[in-house]
Amino acid sequence: MASPKLRAFRGRAIYRALRVVSFVVQRLPLPVARAGGVLLGQLAWLVVRRYRRRALANIAIAFPDWPAGRRRTTIRKMFRHLGVSLAETLWLLRIDRERIREMTSYEGLENFDGIARGGRAAVAISGHCGNWEWVAQAIAAVVPLTTLHRERDDPQMNRFITEVRAHAGIATIDRGSTGSAREMIRALRDGGLLSFLVDQNIRAESVKVPFFGRPALTPIGPAKLAIRAGVPVICIFIERRGGRQFVRIEEPMATSKGDDPVALTARMTAAIEAQIRRAPEQWVWFHDRWRERPAWDVTQSS
């Protein structure tokens, strides 16, 4: 495992590289930027062998019936997808809300009616499916959006990410900061969406729920918060089809006092799994989704 100093150095190096690449990408037509992203993804497929091996092992868990060749092709496409997503995210800094709405196809916008018109709130759930930064900006172009952000080792990287989101009018809360719980409650009281990505195994209170037929540790905090606040949960996903982005807003999951947060977390995870099955090459398969963690931060589901 890398030391904190090494991680911080790596974060600073990535930040500086992103600044340079961002300057170039914003001056390119989007198709050219995406082509550059494809090349970057191809390079990553060849170079980052550890992540490639882990991705191949994980997709074998999820799709054991697939031939090895199909799994390998999907992971190779995943690397290209992530390269394209990075290029798209940097390119988005050149456009405004109206333009991103024009470039995005929405399905299920009616599920935002109470939020957009009545000042109501909801917890929004998604995963690292498709271009998750694009979907955040596309949603922020429609309704007020606040996101929970995992703080990086390097403050410059944190600033870069929050600046990208602030450009689209997205408010950011640092997970684990002293005032984060208060800020989340305030965001829901003010109306709009408070969004979480819940498809990764992170150091947070978690429960084991089914994910591709195998128990996977999943953060339970968003479900607890939605139940405590009495607000619905809305799952939102994005998928790239050719040169266009398609956003799907699913029907709200109503909550009420006394609901089981484990069952709600399982429903969220099932929705994410369904999206991954729709576009398996657009999920981050190299994440160690099924790993175990110390018992102190795990709540076992019954």
C-alpha atoms as a PDB file:
ATOM      1  CA  MET A   1       0.000   0.000   0.000  1.00  0.00           C
ATOM      2  CA  ALA A   2       1.346   3.446  -0.909  1.00  0.00           C
ATOM      3  CA  SER A   3       2.382   5.743   1.936  1.00  0.00           C
ATOM      4  CA  PRO A   4       0.412   8.973   2.589  1.00  0.00           C
ATOM      5  CA  LYS A   5       3.345  11.018   1.237  1.00  0.00           C
ATOM      6  CA  LEU A   6       3.487   8.953  -1.947  1.00  0.00           C
ATOM      7  CA  ARG A   7      -0.295   9.238  -2.415  1.00  0.00           C
ATOM      8  CA  ALA A   8      -0.099  12.994  -1.876  1.00  0.00           C
ATOM      9  CA  PHE A   9       2.752  13.308  -4.393  1.00  0.00           C
ATOM     10  CA  ARG A  10       0.801  11.236  -6.893  1.00  0.00           C
ATOM     11  CA  GLY A  11      -2.269  13.410  -6.320  1.00  0.00           C
ATOM     12  CA  ARG A  12      -0.302  16.593  -7.010  1.00  0.00           C
ATOM     13  CA  ALA A  13       1.186  15.092 -10.168  1.00  0.00           C
ATOM     14  CA  ILE A  14      -2.246  14.051 -11.427  1.00  0.00           C
ATOM     15  CA  TYR A  15      -3.661  17.489 -10.608  1.00  0.00           C
ATOM     16  CA  ARG A  16      -0.967  19.273 -12.618  1.00  0.00           C
ATOM     17  CA  ALA A  17      -1.383  16.890 -15.529  1.00  0.00           C
ATOM     18  CA  LEU A  18      -5.158  17.421 -15.487  1.00  0.00           C
ATOM     19  CA  ARG A  19      -4.702  21.189 -15.592  1.00  0.00           C
ATOM     20  CA  VAL A  20      -2.542  20.931 -18.699  1.00  0.00           C
ATOM     21  CA  VAL A  21      -4.803  18.374 -20.393  1.00  0.00           C
ATOM     22  CA  SER A  22      -7.903  20.395 -19.464  1.00  0.00           C
ATOM     23  CA  PHE A  23      -6.462  23.499 -21.133  1.00  0.00           C
ATOM     24  CA  VAL A  24      -5.957  21.535 -24.360  1.00  0.00           C
ATOM     25  CA  VAL A  25      -9.209  19.526 -24.311  1.00  0.00           C
ATOM     26  CA  GLN A  26     -11.425  22.590 -23.857  1.00  0.00           C
ATOM     27  CA  ARG A  27     -10.122  23.943 -27.144  1.00  0.00           C
ATOM     28  CA  LEU A  28     -10.967  20.805 -29.141  1.00  0.00           C
ATOM     29  CA  PRO A  29     -14.240  19.733 -30.767  1.00  0.00           C
ATOM     30  CA  LEU A  30     -15.908  17.084 -28.612  1.00  0.00           C
ATOM     31  CA  PRO A  31     -15.416  14.219 -31.150  1.00  0.00           C
ATOM     32  CA  VAL A  32     -11.685  14.973 -31.260  1.00  0.00           C
ATOM     33  CA  ALA A  33     -11.505  15.085 -27.451  1.00  0.00           C
ATOM     34  CA  ARG A  34     -13.297  11.745 -27.260  1.00  0.00           C
ATOM     35  CA  ALA A  35     -10.890  10.225 -29.788  1.00  0.00           C
ATOM     36  CA  GLY A  36      -8.029  11.320 -27.559  1.00  0.00           C
ATOM     37  CA  GLY A  37      -9.811   9.674 -24.635  1.00  0.00           C
ATOM     38  CA  VAL A  38     -10.024   6.410 -26.559  1.00  0.00           C
ATOM     39  CA  LEU A  39      -6.264   6.481 -27.103  1.00  0.00           C
ATOM     40  CA  LEU A  40      -5.708   7.214 -23.412  1.00  0.00           C
ATOM     41  CA  GLY A  41      -7.917   4.284 -22.457  1.00  0.00           C
ATOM     42  CA  GLN A  42      -6.085   1.974 -24.839  1.00  0.00           C
ATOM     43  CA  LEU A  43      -2.802   3.009 -23.264  1.00  0.00           C
ATOM     44  CA  ALA A  44      -4.176   2.346 -19.780  1.00  0.00           C
ATOM     45  CA  TRP A  45      -5.321  -1.133 -20.874  1.00  0.00           C
ATOM     46  CA  LEU A  46      -1.745  -1.924 -21.882  1.00  0.00           C
ATOM     47  CA  VAL A  47       0.066  -0.272 -18.971  1.00  0.00           C
ATOM     48  CA  VAL A  48      -1.952  -0.716 -15.750  1.00  0.00           C
ATOM     49  CA  ARG A  49      -1.762  -4.493 -15.618  1.00  0.00           C
ATOM     50  CA  ARG A  50      -2.731  -4.787 -11.950  1.00  0.00           C
ATOM     51  CA  TYR A  51      -6.043  -3.010 -12.552  1.00  0.00           C
ATOM     52  CA  ARG A  52      -6.606  -5.021 -15.716  1.00  0.00           C
ATOM     53  CA  ARG A  53      -6.135  -8.303 -13.833  1.00  0.00           C
ATOM     54  CA  ARG A  54      -8.461  -7.194 -11.037  1.00  0.00           C
ATOM     55  CA  ALA A  55     -11.125  -6.077 -13.516  1.00  0.00           C
ATOM     56  CA  LEU A  56     -10.974  -9.425 -15.322  1.00  0.00           C
ATOM     57  CA  ALA A  57     -11.272 -11.276 -12.003  1.00  0.00           C
ATOM     58  CA  ASN A  58     -14.266  -9.181 -10.912  1.00  0.00           C
ATOM     59  CA  ILE A  59     -16.192  -9.482 -14.158  1.00  0.00           C
ATOM     60  CA  ALA A  60     -15.696 -13.260 -13.952  1.00  0.00           C
ATOM     61  CA  ILE A  61     -17.498 -13.168 -10.587  1.00  0.00           C
ATOM     62  CA  ALA A  62     -20.389 -11.152 -12.024  1.00  0.00           C
ATOM     63  CA  PHE A  63     -20.690 -13.013 -15.338  1.00  0.00           C
ATOM     64  CA  PRO A  64     -19.328 -16.537 -14.773  1.00  0.00           C
ATOM     65  CA  ASP A  65     -21.225 -17.880 -17.799  1.00  0.00           C
ATOM     66  CA  TRP A  66     -19.586 -15.483 -20.236  1.00  0.00           C
ATOM     67  CA  PRO A  67     -16.716 -16.813 -22.365  1.00  0.00           C
ATOM     68  CA  ALA A  68     -13.316 -15.461 -21.329  1.00  0.00           C
ATOM     69  CA  GLY A  69     -13.027 -13.630 -24.658  1.00  0.00           C
ATOM     70  CA  ARG A  70     -16.244 -11.692 -24.067  1.00  0.00           C
ATOM     71  CA  ARG A  71     -15.132 -10.655 -20.571  1.00  0.00           C
ATOM     72  CA  ARG A  72     -11.749  -9.527 -21.901  1.00  0.00           C
ATOM     73  CA  THR A  73     -13.377  -7.502 -24.683  1.00  0.00           C
ATOM     74  CA  THR A  74     -15.717  -5.834 -22.163  1.00  0.00           C
ATOM     75  CA  ILE A  75     -12.844  -4.824 -19.876  1.00  0.00           C
ATOM     76  CA  ARG A  76     -10.894  -3.441 -22.806  1.00  0.00           C
ATOM     77  CA  LYS A  77     -13.956  -1.361 -23.733  1.00  0.00           C
ATOM     78  CA  MET A  78     -14.207  -0.237 -20.105  1.00  0.00           C
ATOM     79  CA  PHE A  79     -10.717   1.288 -20.250  1.00  0.00           C
ATOM     80  CA  ARG A  80     -11.624   3.123 -23.455  1.00  0.00           C
ATOM     81  CA  HIS A  81     -14.884   4.296 -21.869  1.00  0.00           C
ATOM     82  CA  LEU A  82     -13.043   5.734 -18.859  1.00  0.00           C
ATOM     83  CA  GLY A  83     -10.612   7.570 -21.135  1.00  0.00           C
ATOM     84  CA  VAL A  84     -13.529   9.050 -23.089  1.00  0.00           C
ATOM     85  CA  SER A  85     -15.302   9.985 -19.826  1.00  0.00           C
ATOM     86  CA  LEU A  86     -12.250  11.896 -18.613  1.00  0.00           C
ATOM     87  CA  ALA A  87     -12.036  13.796 -21.903  1.00  0.00           C
ATOM     88  CA  GLU A  88     -15.769  14.587 -21.781  1.00  0.00           C
ATOM     89  CA  THR A  89     -15.570  15.820 -18.191  1.00  0.00           C
ATOM     90  CA  LEU A  90     -12.731  18.212 -18.970  1.00  0.00           C
ATOM     91  CA  TRP A  91     -14.496  19.360 -22.141  1.00  0.00           C
ATOM     92  CA  LEU A  92     -17.673  20.161 -20.167  1.00  0.00           C
ATOM     93  CA  LEU A  93     -15.884  23.126 -18.599  1.00  0.00           C
ATOM     94  CA  ARG A  94     -16.376  25.033 -21.854  1.00  0.00           C
ATOM     95  CA  ILE A  95     -20.181  24.871 -21.954  1.00  0.00           C
ATOM     96  CA  ASP A  96     -23.123  26.104 -19.859  1.00  0.00           C
ATOM     97  CA  ARG A  97     -26.271  24.462 -18.489  1.00  0.00           C
ATOM     98  CA  GLU A  98     -28.389  25.087 -21.548  1.00  0.00           C
ATOM     99  CA  ARG A  99     -25.844  23.440 -23.806  1.00  0.00           C
ATOM    100  CA  ILE A 100     -25.513  20.352 -21.631  1.00  0.00           C
ATOM    101  CA  ARG A 101     -29.298  19.961 -21.626  1.00  0.00           C
ATOM    102  CA  GLU A 102     -29.302  20.119 -25.412  1.00  0.00           C
ATOM    103  CA  MET A 103     -26.634  17.412 -25.559  1.00  0.00           C
ATOM    104  CA  THR A 104     -28.411  15.049 -23.148  1.00  0.00           C
ATOM    105  CA  SER A 105     -31.500  12.899 -23.639  1.00  0.00           C
ATOM    106  CA  TYR A 106     -33.631  12.559 -20.481  1.00  0.00           C
ATOM    107  CA  GLU A 107     -36.085   9.837 -19.571  1.00  0.00           C
ATOM    108  CA  GLY A 108     -38.289  10.207 -16.482  1.00  0.00           C
ATOM    109  CA  LEU A 109     -37.986  13.951 -15.895  1.00  0.00           C
ATOM    110  CA  GLU A 110     -41.542  13.900 -14.573  1.00  0.00           C
ATOM    111  CA  ASN A 111     -40.142  12.191 -11.454  1.00  0.00           C
ATOM    112  CA  PHE A 112     -38.573  15.553 -10.557  1.00  0.00           C
ATOM    113  CA  ASP A 113     -41.853  17.510 -10.688  1.00  0.00           C
ATOM    114  CA  GLY A 114     -42.234  17.940  -6.930  1.00  0.00           C
ATOM    115  CA  ILE A 115     -38.578  18.865  -6.537  1.00  0.00           C
ATOM    116  CA  ALA A 116     -38.390  21.331  -9.404  1.00  0.00           C
ATOM    117  CA  ARG A 117     -41.674  23.097  -8.668  1.00  0.00           C
ATOM    118  CA  GLY A 118     -42.469  22.537  -5.010  1.00  0.00           C
ATOM    119  CA  GLY A 119     -39.098  22.903  -3.306  1.00  0.00           C
ATOM    120  CA  ARG A 120     -39.200  19.295  -2.147  1.00  0.00           C
ATOM    121  CA  ALA A 121     -36.122  17.163  -1.535  1.00  0.00           C
ATOM    122  CA  ALA A 122     -34.938  13.655  -2.361  1.00  0.00           C
ATOM    123  CA  VAL A 123     -31.883  11.493  -1.965  1.00  0.00           C
ATOM    124  CA  ALA A 124     -30.424  10.714  -5.387  1.00  0.00           C
ATOM    125  CA  ILE A 125     -28.535   7.458  -5.830  1.00  0.00           C
ATOM    126  CA  SER A 126     -26.239   6.413  -8.637  1.00  0.00           C
ATOM    127  CA  GLY A 127     -23.061   4.453  -9.263  1.00  0.00           C
ATOM    128  CA  HIS A 128     -19.889   4.771 -11.261  1.00  0.00           C
ATOM    129  CA  CYS A 129     -21.888   3.891 -14.368  1.00  0.00           C
ATOM    130  CA  GLY A 130     -21.350   5.798 -17.589  1.00  0.00           C
ATOM    131  CA  ASN A 131     -19.925   9.297 -17.116  1.00  0.00           C
ATOM    132  CA  TRP A 132     -20.976  10.083 -13.533  1.00  0.00           C
ATOM    133  CA  GLU A 133     -19.661  13.645 -13.768  1.00  0.00           C
ATOM    134  CA  TRP A 134     -21.749  14.286 -16.897  1.00  0.00           C
ATOM    135  CA  VAL A 135     -24.899  12.987 -15.212  1.00  0.00           C
ATOM    136  CA  ALA A 136     -24.292  15.264 -12.209  1.00  0.00           C
ATOM    137  CA  GLN A 137     -24.036  18.291 -14.468  1.00  0.00           C
ATOM    138  CA  ALA A 138     -27.018  17.198 -16.558  1.00  0.00           C
ATOM    139  CA  ILE A 139     -29.159  16.833 -13.424  1.00  0.00           C
ATOM    140  CA  ALA A 140     -27.918  20.134 -11.972  1.00  0.00           C
ATOM    141  CA  ALA A 141     -29.159  21.782 -15.176  1.00  0.00           C
ATOM    142  CA  VAL A 142     -32.692  20.686 -14.198  1.00  0.00           C
ATOM    143  CA  VAL A 143     -32.932  20.752 -10.373  1.00  0.00           C
ATOM    144  CA  PRO A 144     -30.708  21.952  -7.489  1.00  0.00           C
ATOM    145  CA  LEU A 145     -28.047  19.320  -6.744  1.00  0.00           C
ATOM    146  CA  THR A 146     -25.667  18.753  -3.837  1.00  0.00           C
ATOM    147  CA  THR A 147     -23.131  15.928  -3.948  1.00  0.00           C
ATOM    148  CA  LEU A 148     -21.184  14.141  -1.256  1.00  0.00           C
ATOM    149  CA  HIS A 149     -17.487  14.156  -2.118  1.00  0.00           C
ATOM    150  CA  ARG A 150     -14.740  11.790  -0.949  1.00  0.00           C
ATOM    151  CA  GLU A 151     -11.832  13.955   0.103  1.00  0.00           C
ATOM    152  CA  ARG A 152      -8.555  13.156  -1.705  1.00  0.00           C
ATOM    153  CA  ASP A 153      -5.088  13.170  -0.151  1.00  0.00           C
ATOM    154  CA  ASP A 154      -4.050  16.274  -2.049  1.00  0.00           C
ATOM    155  CA  PRO A 155      -6.019  19.504  -1.478  1.00  0.00           C
ATOM    156  CA  GLN A 156      -5.313  20.631  -5.044  1.00  0.00           C
ATOM    157  CA  MET A 157      -7.121  17.593  -6.422  1.00  0.00           C
ATOM    158  CA  ASN A 158     -10.049  18.307  -4.115  1.00  0.00           C
ATOM    159  CA  ARG A 159     -10.171  21.866  -5.368  1.00  0.00           C
ATOM    160  CA  PHE A 160     -10.052  20.762  -9.003  1.00  0.00           C
ATOM    161  CA  ILE A 161     -12.992  18.370  -8.551  1.00  0.00           C
ATOM    162  CA  THR A 162     -15.099  20.891  -6.652  1.00  0.00           C
ATOM    163  CA  GLU A 163     -14.302  23.561  -9.263  1.00  0.00           C
ATOM    164  CA  VAL A 164     -15.467  21.248 -12.066  1.00  0.00           C
ATOM    165  CA  ARG A 165     -18.744  20.710 -10.230  1.00  0.00           C
ATOM    166  CA  ALA A 166     -19.150  24.317  -9.141  1.00  0.00           C
ATOM    167  CA  HIS A 167     -18.920  25.338 -12.811  1.00  0.00           C
ATOM    168  CA  ALA A 168     -22.257  23.546 -13.254  1.00  0.00           C
ATOM    169  CA  GLY A 169     -23.760  24.975 -10.059  1.00  0.00           C
ATOM    170  CA  ILE A 170     -23.283  21.776  -8.030  1.00  0.00           C
ATOM    171  CA  ALA A 171     -22.697  22.206  -4.303  1.00  0.00           C
ATOM    172  CA  THR A 172     -20.200  19.799  -2.730  1.00  0.00           C
ATOM    173  CA  ILE A 173     -20.002  18.393   0.798  1.00  0.00           C
ATOM    174  CA  ASP A 174     -16.764  16.703   1.934  1.00  0.00           C
ATOM    175  CA  ARG A 175     -17.530  13.277   3.389  1.00  0.00           C
ATOM    176  CA  GLY A 176     -16.090  12.967   6.865  1.00  0.00           C
ATOM    177  CA  SER A 177     -15.725  16.690   7.522  1.00  0.00           C
ATOM    178  CA  THR A 178     -16.872  17.897  10.934  1.00  0.00           C
ATOM    179  CA  GLY A 179     -19.953  19.633   9.568  1.00  0.00           C
ATOM    180  CA  SER A 180     -20.911  17.146   6.833  1.00  0.00           C
ATOM    181  CA  ALA A 181     -23.919  15.654   8.652  1.00  0.00           C
ATOM    182  CA  ARG A 182     -25.322  19.102   9.386  1.00  0.00           C
ATOM    183  CA  GLU A 183     -24.730  20.195   5.791  1.00  0.00           C
ATOM    184  CA  MET A 184     -26.560  17.150   4.415  1.00  0.00           C
ATOM    185  CA  ILE A 185     -29.596  17.779   6.614  1.00  0.00           C
ATOM    186  CA  ARG A 186     -29.588  21.435   5.578  1.00  0.00           C
ATOM    187  CA  ALA A 187     -29.390  20.496   1.880  1.00  0.00           C
ATOM    188  CA  LEU A 188     -32.513  18.341   2.219  1.00  0.00           C
ATOM    189  CA  ARG A 189     -34.371  21.021   4.168  1.00  0.00           C
ATOM    190  CA  ASP A 190     -33.571  23.572   1.461  1.00  0.00           C
ATOM    191  CA  GLY A 191     -35.032  21.325  -1.247  1.00  0.00           C
ATOM    192  CA  GLY A 192     -33.410  19.666  -4.221  1.00  0.00           C
ATOM    193  CA  LEU A 193     -31.358  16.508  -4.599  1.00  0.00           C
ATOM    194  CA  LEU A 194     -28.644  15.234  -2.279  1.00  0.00           C
ATOM    195  CA  SER A 195     -26.691  12.668  -4.292  1.00  0.00           C
ATOM    196  CA  PHE A 196     -24.549   9.675  -3.368  1.00  0.00           C
ATOM    197  CA  LEU A 197     -22.588   7.076  -5.316  1.00  0.00           C
ATOM    198  CA  VAL A 198     -23.137   3.824  -3.400  1.00  0.00           C
ATOM    199  CA  ASP A 199     -21.536   1.180  -5.611  1.00  0.00           C
ATOM    200  CA  GLN A 200     -18.153   1.069  -3.901  1.00  0.00           C
ATOM    201  CA  ASN A 201     -16.707  -0.551  -0.804  1.00  0.00           C
ATOM    202  CA  ILE A 202     -15.576   2.438   1.275  1.00  0.00           C
ATOM    203  CA  ARG A 203     -14.601   3.111   4.885  1.00  0.00           C
ATOM    204  CA  ALA A 204     -18.076   3.952   6.120  1.00  0.00           C
ATOM    205  CA  GLU A 205     -20.816   2.222   8.062  1.00  0.00           C
ATOM    206  CA  SER A 206     -21.859  -0.574   5.714  1.00  0.00           C
ATOM    207  CA  VAL A 207     -24.062  -3.617   5.358  1.00  0.00           C
ATOM    208  CA  LYS A 208     -23.724  -6.670   3.165  1.00  0.00           C
ATOM    209  CA  VAL A 209     -26.356  -6.817   0.442  1.00  0.00           C
ATOM    210  CA  PRO A 210     -26.478  -8.919  -2.734  1.00  0.00           C
ATOM    211  CA  PHE A 211     -24.479  -7.645  -5.705  1.00  0.00           C
ATOM    212  CA  PHE A 212     -24.320 -10.017  -8.674  1.00  0.00           C
ATOM    213  CA  GLY A 213     -25.313 -12.852  -6.364  1.00  0.00           C
ATOM    214  CA  ARG A 214     -22.565 -12.285  -3.806  1.00  0.00           C
ATOM    215  CA  PRO A 215     -22.743 -10.271  -0.540  1.00  0.00           C
ATOM    216  CA  ALA A 216     -20.988  -6.929  -0.943  1.00  0.00           C
ATOM    217  CA  LEU A 217     -20.327  -4.274   1.683  1.00  0.00           C
ATOM    218  CA  THR A 218     -22.377  -1.196   0.801  1.00  0.00           C
ATOM    219  CA  PRO A 219     -22.738   2.165   2.611  1.00  0.00           C
ATOM    220  CA  ILE A 220     -25.982   2.297   4.590  1.00  0.00           C
ATOM    221  CA  GLY A 221     -25.807   6.010   5.437  1.00  0.00           C
ATOM    222  CA  PRO A 222     -27.819   7.293   2.436  1.00  0.00           C
ATOM    223  CA  ALA A 223     -30.699   4.926   3.226  1.00  0.00           C
ATOM    224  CA  LYS A 224     -30.672   5.919   6.903  1.00  0.00           C
ATOM    225  CA  LEU A 225     -30.636   9.597   5.987  1.00  0.00           C
ATOM    226  CA  ALA A 226     -33.552   9.266   3.550  1.00  0.00           C
ATOM    227  CA  ILE A 227     -35.636   7.389   6.136  1.00  0.00           C
ATOM    228  CA  ARG A 228     -34.757   9.830   8.910  1.00  0.00           C
ATOM    229  CA  ALA A 229     -35.625  12.844   6.727  1.00  0.00           C
ATOM    230  CA  GLY A 230     -38.730  11.174   5.273  1.00  0.00           C
ATOM    231  CA  VAL A 231     -37.687  11.886   1.697  1.00  0.00           C
ATOM    232  CA  PRO A 232     -37.843   9.554  -1.311  1.00  0.00           C
ATOM    233  CA  VAL A 233     -34.866   7.911  -2.972  1.00  0.00           C
ATOM    234  CA  ILE A 234     -34.457   8.388  -6.726  1.00  0.00           C
ATOM    235  CA  CYS A 235     -32.014   6.261  -8.704  1.00  0.00           C
ATOM    236  CA  ILE A 236     -30.453   8.087 -11.658  1.00  0.00           C
ATOM    237  CA  PHE A 237     -28.210   6.580 -14.323  1.00  0.00           C
ATOM    238  CA  ILE A 238     -26.411   7.678 -17.452  1.00  0.00           C
ATOM    239  CA  GLU A 239     -25.322   5.695 -20.484  1.00  0.00           C
ATOM    240  CA  ARG A 240     -23.337   6.758 -23.523  1.00  0.00           C
ATOM    241  CA  ARG A 241     -24.825   5.548 -26.793  1.00  0.00           C
ATOM    242  CA  GLY A 242     -22.668   6.565 -29.699  1.00  0.00           C
ATOM    243  CA  GLY A 243     -22.066  10.287 -29.404  1.00  0.00           C
ATOM    244  CA  ARG A 244     -25.012  11.070 -27.118  1.00  0.00           C
ATOM    245  CA  GLN A 245     -25.641  10.742 -23.394  1.00  0.00           C
ATOM    246  CA  PHE A 246     -28.890   9.192 -22.133  1.00  0.00           C
ATOM    247  CA  VAL A 247     -30.027   9.913 -18.565  1.00  0.00           C
ATOM    248  CA  ARG A 248     -32.727   7.789 -16.942  1.00  0.00           C
ATOM    249  CA  ILE A 249     -34.505   8.994 -13.790  1.00  0.00           C
ATOM    250  CA  GLU A 250     -36.284   6.082 -12.145  1.00  0.00           C
ATOM    251  CA  GLU A 251     -39.504   6.279 -10.148  1.00  0.00           C
ATOM    252  CA  PRO A 252     -38.957   7.459  -6.561  1.00  0.00           C
ATOM    253  CA  MET A 253     -38.720   4.919  -3.758  1.00  0.00           C
ATOM    254  CA  ALA A 254     -40.933   6.306  -0.994  1.00  0.00           C
ATOM    255  CA  THR A 255     -39.664   6.141   2.595  1.00  0.00           C
ATOM    256  CA  SER A 256     -41.294   6.484   5.994  1.00  0.00           C
ATOM    257  CA  LYS A 257     -40.294   6.238   9.629  1.00  0.00           C
ATOM    258  CA  GLY A 258     -39.593   2.662  10.649  1.00  0.00           C
ATOM    259  CA  ASP A 259     -38.451   1.490   7.214  1.00  0.00           C
ATOM    260  CA  ASP A 260     -35.563  -0.950   7.124  1.00  0.00           C
ATOM    261  CA  PRO A 261     -32.423   0.823   5.835  1.00  0.00           C
ATOM    262  CA  VAL A 262     -30.818  -2.515   4.944  1.00  0.00           C
ATOM    263  CA  ALA A 263     -33.726  -3.429   2.666  1.00  0.00           C
ATOM    264  CA  LEU A 264     -33.613   0.045   1.086  1.00  0.00           C
ATOM    265  CA  THR A 265     -29.854  -0.270   0.527  1.00  0.00           C
ATOM    266  CA  ALA A 266     -30.459  -3.632  -1.151  1.00  0.00           C
ATOM    267  CA  ARG A 267     -33.025  -2.024  -3.499  1.00  0.00           C
ATOM    268  CA  MET A 268     -30.563   0.719  -4.431  1.00  0.00           C
ATOM    269  CA  THR A 269     -27.853  -1.852  -5.116  1.00  0.00           C
ATOM    270  CA  ALA A 270     -30.216  -3.947  -7.231  1.00  0.00           C
ATOM    271  CA  ALA A 271     -30.980  -0.881  -9.369  1.00  0.00           C
ATOM    272  CA  ILE A 272     -27.259  -0.246  -9.857  1.00  0.00           C
ATOM    273  CA  GLU A 273     -26.668  -3.877 -10.789  1.00  0.00           C
ATOM    274  CA  ALA A 274     -29.460  -3.688 -13.363  1.00  0.00           C
ATOM    275  CA  GLN A 275     -27.787  -0.642 -14.953  1.00  0.00           C
ATOM    276  CA  ILE A 276     -24.407  -2.389 -15.043  1.00  0.00           C
ATOM    277  CA  ARG A 277     -26.027  -5.337 -16.809  1.00  0.00           C
ATOM    278  CA  ARG A 278     -27.436  -2.922 -19.414  1.00  0.00           C
ATOM    279  CA  ALA A 279     -23.995  -1.444 -20.181  1.00  0.00           C
ATOM    280  CA  PRO A 280     -21.306  -3.599 -18.515  1.00  0.00           C
ATOM    281  CA  GLU A 281     -18.462  -1.862 -20.356  1.00  0.00           C
ATOM    282  CA  GLN A 282     -19.410   1.430 -18.646  1.00  0.00           C
ATOM    283  CA  TRP A 283     -18.729   0.412 -15.020  1.00  0.00           C
ATOM    284  CA  VAL A 284     -15.439   0.472 -13.052  1.00  0.00           C
ATOM    285  CA  TRP A 285     -14.702  -3.252 -12.846  1.00  0.00           C
ATOM    286  CA  PHE A 286     -11.266  -2.787 -11.268  1.00  0.00           C
ATOM    287  CA  HIS A 287     -12.809  -1.563  -8.003  1.00  0.00           C
ATOM    288  CA  ASP A 288     -12.413  -4.261  -5.326  1.00  0.00           C
ATOM    289  CA  ARG A 289     -16.161  -4.440  -4.720  1.00  0.00           C
ATOM    290  CA  TRP A 290     -16.329  -7.683  -2.722  1.00  0.00           C
ATOM    291  CA  ARG A 291     -13.400  -7.161  -0.360  1.00  0.00           C
ATOM    292  CA  GLU A 292     -13.794  -7.513   3.399  1.00  0.00           C
ATOM    293  CA  ARG A 293     -13.116  -4.762   5.947  1.00  0.00           C
ATOM    294  CA  PRO A 294     -12.489  -4.660   9.727  1.00  0.00           C
ATOM    295  CA  ALA A 295     -15.588  -5.527  11.708  1.00  0.00           C
ATOM    296  CA  TRP A 296     -15.625  -2.183  13.541  1.00  0.00           C
ATOM    297  CA  ASP A 297     -17.132  -0.321  10.585  1.00  0.00           C
ATOM    298  CA  VAL A 298     -19.425  -3.030   9.279  1.00  0.00           C
ATOM    299  CA  THR A 299     -23.055  -3.553  10.270  1.00  0.00           C
ATOM    300  CA  GLN A 300     -24.070  -7.081   9.375  1.00  0.00           C
ATOM    301  CA  SER A 301     -27.442  -7.475   7.675  1.00  0.00           C
ATOM    302  CA  SER A 302     -29.791 -10.093   9.041  1.00  0.00           C
END
